[in-house]
Structures are given as C-alpha cells and as structure tokens.
Amino acid sequence: MKATEQTLQQIGRAIRKIAEKFPAQEDATMLTDIHIRVTQETGELMAFDDDDNEITRCVVEQWIDNKDDDFFEQIITIIRRCIEKQKSQVENLGIIKPYSFVLEDDDKESIGELYVVDDDTVIIDSELMANLDQDLDDFFDKLLKE
C-alpha cells in the first residue's frame, strides 16, 4: 500500500499531538510505551499510555474498510516513517527513557515495535534487512574464494 499525502499528514498530526501531551521537562513522566492501536475496519488510529488512557485519535481515511491480509505489516513501515520524520520531537518527550511506540490491533494485541527511544537501542526497518542473509552468504563465499 502506498500512503497518500493525506494519510501521512493525518499520522504526522497524531504524532505531534502525542508530543504535545508529553512536552520535554525536567521531571519526566514514568511511562514505558505509547500504544498505537489501529482498527482496520474504521481506519481509526488511537494512541494510549500504559494505563490505557487515550492520548489522541484520528481516522485515516485511506485505511477505512481495508481488507488486505497484510494490512498491519504494510502500515508498520508507514507509521515508522512518520515517526522518523519527527524524530527530534519523538526522542525528546517528557518521558523517562527507554520508551517505545508499539503498534497494536484493536484487540490490544502487540503487532510490532515501531520505534524505540533509548540512547543505546535502534530498530532497523525490515526492508533494510530483507536480503541480509543472502548478502552475507555471498560476501563470505567471495572471501573464501580469494
């Protein structure tokens, strides 16, 4: 699925609203995750704290009634890209590190980590890692031949 400009704007706006709820401050909030829930039928994207308190919500029109079996795998990349565009805001929330953005389905089941904010941890996009095994095998074969 290719995200429309409107979709990217809607997700970006939701991320900004999350950042507004947790402005950078000296006394950071104890929070371990920001739970992003997406409902495939309604296109709703909602963000919650650890205590299941709603932070923000929006409707992503492109996602309404999406019947794709790999819907959640597709939106992970889209949401992650939107978070990375606002990296400076996301990494400076008034939350004690480490914290992460986690994608969940509407049954609150974790689908995947979108972004980890920690000085020592980085999540690498699966697209970047897609052919790593084959690349390493080719590299070692070439080395052994020399």
C-alpha atoms as a PDB file:
ATOM      1  CA  MET A   1       0.000   0.000   0.000  1.00  0.00           C
ATOM      2  CA  LYS A   2       1.339   3.384  -0.937  1.00  0.00           C
ATOM      3  CA  ALA A   3       0.370   6.016   1.601  1.00  0.00           C
ATOM      4  CA  THR A   4      -1.329   9.116   0.253  1.00  0.00           C
ATOM      5  CA  GLU A   5      -0.150  12.565   1.268  1.00  0.00           C
ATOM      6  CA  GLN A   6      -3.331  12.944   3.333  1.00  0.00           C
ATOM      7  CA  THR A   7      -2.539   9.700   5.214  1.00  0.00           C
ATOM      8  CA  LEU A   8       0.977  10.889   6.016  1.00  0.00           C
ATOM      9  CA  GLN A   9      -0.405  14.228   7.235  1.00  0.00           C
ATOM     10  CA  GLN A  10      -3.007  12.548   9.451  1.00  0.00           C
ATOM     11  CA  ILE A  11      -0.434  10.248  11.063  1.00  0.00           C
ATOM     12  CA  GLY A  12       2.020  13.126  11.436  1.00  0.00           C
ATOM     13  CA  ARG A  13      -0.638  15.212  13.173  1.00  0.00           C
ATOM     14  CA  ALA A  14      -1.348  12.352  15.607  1.00  0.00           C
ATOM     15  CA  ILE A  15       2.357  12.064  16.437  1.00  0.00           C
ATOM     16  CA  ARG A  16       2.554  15.820  17.053  1.00  0.00           C
ATOM     17  CA  LYS A  17      -0.430  15.561  19.425  1.00  0.00           C
ATOM     18  CA  ILE A  18       1.380  12.811  21.343  1.00  0.00           C
ATOM     19  CA  ALA A  19       4.446  15.061  21.610  1.00  0.00           C
ATOM     20  CA  GLU A  20       2.267  17.928  22.854  1.00  0.00           C
ATOM     21  CA  LYS A  21       0.891  15.726  25.661  1.00  0.00           C
ATOM     22  CA  PHE A  22       4.423  14.920  26.858  1.00  0.00           C
ATOM     23  CA  PRO A  23       6.483  18.106  26.478  1.00  0.00           C
ATOM     24  CA  ALA A  24      10.158  17.932  27.419  1.00  0.00           C
ATOM     25  CA  GLN A  25      10.606  18.768  31.098  1.00  0.00           C
ATOM     26  CA  GLU A  26      12.988  18.176  33.988  1.00  0.00           C
ATOM     27  CA  ASP A  27      10.670  15.796  35.852  1.00  0.00           C
ATOM     28  CA  ALA A  28       9.927  13.212  33.183  1.00  0.00           C
ATOM     29  CA  THR A  29       6.829  11.049  33.344  1.00  0.00           C
ATOM     30  CA  MET A  30       7.099   7.351  34.169  1.00  0.00           C
ATOM     31  CA  LEU A  31       5.801   5.678  31.040  1.00  0.00           C
ATOM     32  CA  THR A  32       7.262   2.730  29.203  1.00  0.00           C
ATOM     33  CA  ASP A  33       5.297   2.607  25.972  1.00  0.00           C
ATOM     34  CA  ILE A  34       2.998   4.575  23.749  1.00  0.00           C
ATOM     35  CA  HIS A  35       0.471   2.122  22.372  1.00  0.00           C
ATOM     36  CA  ILE A  36      -0.791   2.900  18.894  1.00  0.00           C
ATOM     37  CA  ARG A  37      -3.915   0.950  18.021  1.00  0.00           C
ATOM     38  CA  VAL A  38      -5.313   0.767  14.548  1.00  0.00           C
ATOM     39  CA  THR A  39      -8.749  -0.576  13.677  1.00  0.00           C
ATOM     40  CA  GLN A  40      -8.740  -1.915  10.150  1.00  0.00           C
ATOM     41  CA  GLU A  41     -12.496  -1.593   9.582  1.00  0.00           C
ATOM     42  CA  THR A  42     -12.869   2.026  10.711  1.00  0.00           C
ATOM     43  CA  GLY A  43      -9.399   3.345   9.864  1.00  0.00           C
ATOM     44  CA  GLU A  44      -9.090   4.685  13.404  1.00  0.00           C
ATOM     45  CA  LEU A  45      -5.609   5.309  14.771  1.00  0.00           C
ATOM     46  CA  MET A  46      -5.550   5.814  18.533  1.00  0.00           C
ATOM     47  CA  ALA A  47      -2.691   6.356  20.954  1.00  0.00           C
ATOM     48  CA  PHE A  48      -2.776   5.255  24.591  1.00  0.00           C
ATOM     49  CA  ASP A  49      -0.456   5.375  27.566  1.00  0.00           C
ATOM     50  CA  ASP A  50       0.425   2.349  29.728  1.00  0.00           C
ATOM     51  CA  ASP A  51      -2.708   2.818  31.836  1.00  0.00           C
ATOM     52  CA  ASP A  52      -4.901   2.678  28.722  1.00  0.00           C
ATOM     53  CA  ASN A  53      -5.673   6.402  28.889  1.00  0.00           C
ATOM     54  CA  GLU A  54      -6.312   7.808  25.442  1.00  0.00           C
ATOM     55  CA  ILE A  55      -3.749  10.346  24.278  1.00  0.00           C
ATOM     56  CA  THR A  56      -5.148  11.108  20.838  1.00  0.00           C
ATOM     57  CA  ARG A  57      -7.116   9.613  17.956  1.00  0.00           C
ATOM     58  CA  CYS A  58      -7.736  10.230  14.294  1.00  0.00           C
ATOM     59  CA  VAL A  59      -9.294   8.477  11.327  1.00  0.00           C
ATOM     60  CA  VAL A  60      -7.039   7.595   8.419  1.00  0.00           C
ATOM     61  CA  GLU A  61      -9.488   7.619   5.533  1.00  0.00           C
ATOM     62  CA  GLN A  62      -7.259   5.513   3.272  1.00  0.00           C
ATOM     63  CA  TRP A  63      -7.423   2.669   5.814  1.00  0.00           C
ATOM     64  CA  ILE A  64     -11.222   2.537   6.199  1.00  0.00           C
ATOM     65  CA  ASP A  65     -12.515  -0.942   5.257  1.00  0.00           C
ATOM     66  CA  ASN A  66      -9.080  -2.085   4.112  1.00  0.00           C
ATOM     67  CA  LYS A  67      -9.357  -5.858   3.674  1.00  0.00           C
ATOM     68  CA  ASP A  68      -5.682  -6.623   2.940  1.00  0.00           C
ATOM     69  CA  ASP A  69      -4.410  -9.658   4.844  1.00  0.00           C
ATOM     70  CA  ASP A  70      -1.052  -7.947   5.333  1.00  0.00           C
ATOM     71  CA  PHE A  71      -2.572  -4.615   6.379  1.00  0.00           C
ATOM     72  CA  PHE A  72      -0.654  -4.340   9.648  1.00  0.00           C
ATOM     73  CA  GLU A  73       2.663  -5.266   8.036  1.00  0.00           C
ATOM     74  CA  GLN A  74       2.092  -2.517   5.477  1.00  0.00           C
ATOM     75  CA  ILE A  75       1.213   0.193   7.971  1.00  0.00           C
ATOM     76  CA  ILE A  76       4.208  -0.531  10.227  1.00  0.00           C
ATOM     77  CA  THR A  77       6.506   0.967   7.604  1.00  0.00           C
ATOM     78  CA  ILE A  78       4.201   3.944   7.019  1.00  0.00           C
ATOM     79  CA  ILE A  79       3.830   4.820  10.707  1.00  0.00           C
ATOM     80  CA  ARG A  80       7.528   4.247  11.378  1.00  0.00           C
ATOM     81  CA  ARG A  81       8.436   6.625   8.545  1.00  0.00           C
ATOM     82  CA  CYS A  82       6.117   9.303  10.007  1.00  0.00           C
ATOM     83  CA  ILE A  83       7.662   8.875  13.456  1.00  0.00           C
ATOM     84  CA  GLU A  84      11.169   9.154  11.996  1.00  0.00           C
ATOM     85  CA  LYS A  85      10.225  12.416  10.237  1.00  0.00           C
ATOM     86  CA  GLN A  86       9.505  13.861  13.675  1.00  0.00           C
ATOM     87  CA  LYS A  87      12.491  12.205  15.319  1.00  0.00           C
ATOM     88  CA  SER A  88      13.627  15.292  17.249  1.00  0.00           C
ATOM     89  CA  GLN A  89      10.202  15.692  18.883  1.00  0.00           C
ATOM     90  CA  VAL A  90       9.694  11.972  19.481  1.00  0.00           C
ATOM     91  CA  GLU A  91      13.101  11.480  21.088  1.00  0.00           C
ATOM     92  CA  ASN A  92      12.664  14.422  23.445  1.00  0.00           C
ATOM     93  CA  LEU A  93       9.312  13.650  25.021  1.00  0.00           C
ATOM     94  CA  GLY A  94       8.946  14.261  28.735  1.00  0.00           C
ATOM     95  CA  ILE A  95       9.077  10.510  29.369  1.00  0.00           C
ATOM     96  CA  ILE A  96      11.820   8.610  31.171  1.00  0.00           C
ATOM     97  CA  LYS A  97      13.922   6.639  28.659  1.00  0.00           C
ATOM     98  CA  PRO A  98      13.698   3.981  27.392  1.00  0.00           C
ATOM     99  CA  TYR A  99      10.217   4.143  25.928  1.00  0.00           C
ATOM    100  CA  SER A 100       8.795   2.820  22.712  1.00  0.00           C
ATOM    101  CA  PHE A 101       5.976   3.199  20.249  1.00  0.00           C
ATOM    102  CA  VAL A 102       4.167  -0.117  19.862  1.00  0.00           C
ATOM    103  CA  LEU A 103       1.602  -0.999  17.198  1.00  0.00           C
ATOM    104  CA  GLU A 104      -1.396  -2.977  18.428  1.00  0.00           C
ATOM    105  CA  ASP A 105      -4.533  -4.273  16.798  1.00  0.00           C
ATOM    106  CA  ASP A 106      -7.978  -3.350  18.113  1.00  0.00           C
ATOM    107  CA  ASP A 107      -7.834  -6.352  20.499  1.00  0.00           C
ATOM    108  CA  LYS A 108      -4.778  -4.776  22.181  1.00  0.00           C
ATOM    109  CA  GLU A 109      -2.505  -7.491  20.801  1.00  0.00           C
ATOM    110  CA  SER A 110       1.004  -6.266  20.067  1.00  0.00           C
ATOM    111  CA  ILE A 111       1.876  -6.438  16.374  1.00  0.00           C
ATOM    112  CA  GLY A 112       5.293  -4.847  16.453  1.00  0.00           C
ATOM    113  CA  GLU A 113       7.571  -2.202  17.835  1.00  0.00           C
ATOM    114  CA  LEU A 114       7.533   0.893  15.694  1.00  0.00           C
ATOM    115  CA  TYR A 115      10.226   2.951  17.348  1.00  0.00           C
ATOM    116  CA  VAL A 116      12.373   2.686  20.470  1.00  0.00           C
ATOM    117  CA  VAL A 117      13.675   5.789  22.171  1.00  0.00           C
ATOM    118  CA  ASP A 118      16.821   4.887  24.055  1.00  0.00           C
ATOM    119  CA  ASP A 119      20.348   6.119  23.793  1.00  0.00           C
ATOM    120  CA  ASP A 120      21.671   2.617  23.035  1.00  0.00           C
ATOM    121  CA  THR A 121      18.928   0.912  21.007  1.00  0.00           C
ATOM    122  CA  VAL A 122      17.889   1.305  17.387  1.00  0.00           C
ATOM    123  CA  ILE A 123      15.226  -0.626  15.480  1.00  0.00           C
ATOM    124  CA  ILE A 124      16.220  -1.319  11.921  1.00  0.00           C
ATOM    125  CA  ASP A 125      13.475  -1.380   9.330  1.00  0.00           C
ATOM    126  CA  SER A 126      12.752  -4.849   7.980  1.00  0.00           C
ATOM    127  CA  GLU A 127      13.052  -3.580   4.393  1.00  0.00           C
ATOM    128  CA  LEU A 128      16.674  -2.718   5.061  1.00  0.00           C
ATOM    129  CA  MET A 129      17.307  -6.185   6.466  1.00  0.00           C
ATOM    130  CA  ALA A 130      15.329  -8.094   3.798  1.00  0.00           C
ATOM    131  CA  ASN A 131      18.243  -9.714   1.941  1.00  0.00           C
ATOM    132  CA  LEU A 132      20.895  -9.522   4.615  1.00  0.00           C
ATOM    133  CA  ASP A 133      21.350 -13.309   4.912  1.00  0.00           C
ATOM    134  CA  GLN A 134      21.925 -13.707   1.191  1.00  0.00           C
ATOM    135  CA  ASP A 135      24.265 -10.708   1.080  1.00  0.00           C
ATOM    136  CA  LEU A 136      26.337 -12.132   3.934  1.00  0.00           C
ATOM    137  CA  ASP A 137      26.483 -15.570   2.308  1.00  0.00           C
ATOM    138  CA  ASP A 138      27.637 -14.032  -0.972  1.00  0.00           C
ATOM    139  CA  PHE A 139      30.234 -11.961   0.856  1.00  0.00           C
ATOM    140  CA  PHE A 140      31.672 -14.982   2.710  1.00  0.00           C
ATOM    141  CA  ASP A 141      31.695 -17.101  -0.474  1.00  0.00           C
ATOM    142  CA  LYS A 142      33.652 -14.400  -2.229  1.00  0.00           C
ATOM    143  CA  LEU A 143      36.089 -14.129   0.660  1.00  0.00           C
ATOM    144  CA  LEU A 144      36.696 -17.868   0.735  1.00  0.00           C
ATOM    145  CA  LYS A 145      37.374 -17.961  -2.998  1.00  0.00           C
ATOM    146  CA  GLU A 146      40.051 -15.297  -2.686  1.00  0.00           C
END
